[in-house]
Amino acid sequence: MQTEESRQLVLSYYEALATSDPAALEQILSDDVVWAPPASAPIEGPFEGRETVLKAMGESGAQFFDMASLRMTTHKMVADGDTVVVLQHLSGKAVNGRDYANEYVWVFTCADGRIVRMEEHNDSLHFHRIVMSESP
């Protein structure tokens, strides 16, 4: 895919997430999309297939966070051909009641008008210290 097409596709993905639009997500993610969370994440990944990915993302989010409290701020989006890199900040409340804030890097690969791969990178040690600890 061309750079601007890839950028627009990833922007559409974030818009669909923000509005909880499953029909849009179905159009944006390929049937065989792969989500690769950090290897040290407390979930079994990578996940493959649109339905599996969406289910795993939703379940893991609700397992660790008060979803209504989450706030995402995108610092930068860089696109080159079929690849889009997004730098963002995520904050909110962990289910244990602790405040959470972390920096994330997402690497998206796009093909044939859809997202085919999503790699998630973050400070997983910080994640474990905040989210996996006992309540405050």
Protein backbone atom coordinates (compact mmCIF):
# COMPACT_ATOMS: atom_id res chain seq x y z
CA MET A 1 0.00 0.00 0.00
CA GLN A 2 1.02 3.59 -0.49
CA THR A 3 2.09 5.68 2.50
CA GLU A 4 -0.96 7.95 2.68
CA GLU A 5 -3.40 5.03 2.23
CA SER A 6 -1.74 3.22 5.14
CA ARG A 7 -1.84 6.34 7.32
CA GLN A 8 -5.54 6.88 6.60
CA LEU A 9 -6.33 3.24 7.32
CA VAL A 10 -4.68 3.40 10.75
CA LEU A 11 -6.44 6.71 11.49
CA SER A 12 -9.72 4.96 10.62
CA TYR A 13 -8.81 2.12 12.99
CA TYR A 14 -8.37 4.56 15.88
CA GLU A 15 -11.63 6.33 15.01
CA ALA A 16 -13.45 2.97 15.02
CA LEU A 17 -11.94 2.13 18.42
CA ALA A 18 -12.93 5.52 19.85
CA THR A 19 -16.54 5.11 18.70
CA SER A 20 -16.76 1.36 19.45
CA ASP A 21 -17.75 0.66 15.85
CA PRO A 22 -17.47 -3.11 15.26
CA ALA A 23 -18.67 -2.85 11.65
CA ALA A 24 -15.87 -0.40 10.83
CA LEU A 25 -13.30 -2.59 12.59
CA GLU A 26 -14.47 -5.54 10.51
CA GLN A 27 -13.76 -3.54 7.35
CA ILE A 28 -10.40 -2.27 8.58
CA LEU A 29 -8.86 -5.48 9.93
CA SER A 30 -8.02 -8.33 7.58
CA ASP A 31 -9.63 -11.73 8.16
CA ASP A 32 -6.22 -13.10 9.23
CA VAL A 33 -4.92 -10.05 11.11
CA VAL A 34 -2.26 -10.76 13.74
CA TRP A 35 -1.91 -8.92 17.06
CA ALA A 36 1.48 -9.43 18.67
CA PRO A 37 1.50 -8.09 22.24
CA PRO A 38 4.81 -7.80 24.10
CA ALA A 39 6.35 -11.21 24.76
CA SER A 40 6.36 -10.46 28.50
CA ALA A 41 2.65 -9.55 28.56
CA PRO A 42 0.56 -11.66 30.95
CA ILE A 43 -1.55 -12.95 28.05
CA GLU A 44 -0.92 -15.70 25.52
CA GLY A 45 -0.16 -14.21 22.14
CA PRO A 46 0.24 -13.59 19.33
CA PHE A 47 -3.40 -13.75 18.33
CA GLU A 48 -4.52 -14.49 14.78
CA GLY A 49 -7.80 -13.82 13.00
CA ARG A 50 -10.05 -10.78 13.24
CA GLU A 51 -12.58 -12.26 15.67
CA THR A 52 -9.85 -13.75 17.87
CA VAL A 53 -7.89 -10.48 17.92
CA LEU A 54 -10.90 -8.33 18.77
CA LYS A 55 -12.01 -10.72 21.50
CA ALA A 56 -8.50 -10.96 23.00
CA MET A 57 -8.02 -7.19 22.95
CA GLY A 58 -11.37 -6.60 24.62
CA GLU A 59 -10.89 -9.30 27.23
CA SER A 60 -7.33 -8.34 28.10
CA GLY A 61 -8.28 -4.67 28.38
CA ALA A 62 -11.16 -5.44 30.76
CA GLN A 63 -8.98 -7.90 32.71
CA PHE A 64 -6.45 -5.21 33.58
CA PHE A 65 -8.18 -1.82 33.33
CA ASP A 66 -11.31 0.12 34.16
CA MET A 67 -12.07 0.60 30.47
CA ALA A 68 -14.12 3.77 31.01
CA SER A 69 -11.09 5.44 32.62
CA LEU A 70 -8.64 4.82 29.78
CA ARG A 71 -7.32 7.82 27.89
CA MET A 72 -5.09 7.55 24.84
CA THR A 73 -3.02 10.39 23.47
CA THR A 74 -1.18 9.98 20.18
CA HIS A 75 2.17 11.78 20.10
CA LYS A 76 3.22 10.88 16.59
CA MET A 77 2.27 8.77 13.62
CA VAL A 78 4.90 7.94 11.02
CA ALA A 79 3.96 6.13 7.82
CA ASP A 80 6.20 4.65 5.16
CA GLY A 81 4.64 2.51 2.47
CA ASP A 82 2.72 -0.32 4.11
CA THR A 83 4.01 0.41 7.64
CA VAL A 84 2.63 2.88 10.18
CA VAL A 85 4.26 3.49 13.56
CA VAL A 86 2.20 5.15 16.29
CA LEU A 87 3.68 6.58 19.49
CA GLN A 88 1.10 7.10 22.19
CA HIS A 89 0.47 7.55 25.88
CA LEU A 90 -2.13 5.45 27.69
CA SER A 91 -3.44 6.33 31.14
CA GLY A 92 -6.28 5.29 33.39
CA LYS A 93 -7.12 3.12 36.37
CA ALA A 94 -6.01 -0.47 36.70
CA VAL A 95 -8.60 -2.89 38.08
CA ASN A 96 -6.56 -2.98 41.29
CA GLY A 97 -7.35 0.73 41.75
CA ARG A 98 -3.87 2.01 40.97
CA ASP A 99 -3.25 4.86 38.53
CA TYR A 100 -1.63 3.66 35.31
CA ALA A 101 0.32 5.61 32.72
CA ASN A 102 2.65 4.16 30.10
CA GLU A 103 4.11 4.90 26.70
CA TYR A 104 3.20 2.61 23.80
CA VAL A 105 4.54 2.04 20.32
CA TRP A 106 2.34 0.28 17.80
CA VAL A 107 3.66 -0.96 14.47
CA PHE A 108 0.91 -1.59 11.91
CA THR A 109 1.40 -3.41 8.63
CA CYS A 110 -1.21 -2.76 5.94
CA ALA A 111 -2.00 -4.68 2.74
CA ASP A 112 -4.86 -4.68 0.25
CA GLY A 113 -6.68 -1.90 2.10
CA ARG A 114 -6.66 -3.58 5.51
CA ILE A 115 -4.50 -3.87 8.59
CA VAL A 116 -2.81 -7.28 8.54
CA ARG A 117 -0.48 -7.02 11.56
CA MET A 118 -0.37 -5.02 14.81
CA GLU A 119 2.73 -5.19 17.01
CA GLU A 120 2.41 -3.68 20.48
CA HIS A 121 5.43 -2.44 22.42
CA ASN A 122 5.48 -0.84 25.88
CA ASP A 123 7.42 -0.73 29.14
CA SER A 124 6.18 -4.12 30.29
CA LEU A 125 8.12 -3.98 33.59
CA HIS A 126 6.24 -0.78 34.45
CA PHE A 127 2.97 -2.45 33.39
CA HIS A 128 3.67 -5.39 35.74
CA ARG A 129 4.64 -3.13 38.65
CA ILE A 130 1.42 -1.11 38.41
CA VAL A 131 -1.22 -3.43 37.00
CA MET A 132 -0.17 -6.81 38.38
CA SER A 133 0.48 -5.67 41.96
CA GLU A 134 -1.96 -5.79 44.81
CA SER A 135 -4.32 -2.87 45.28
CA PRO A 136 -2.87 0.27 46.90
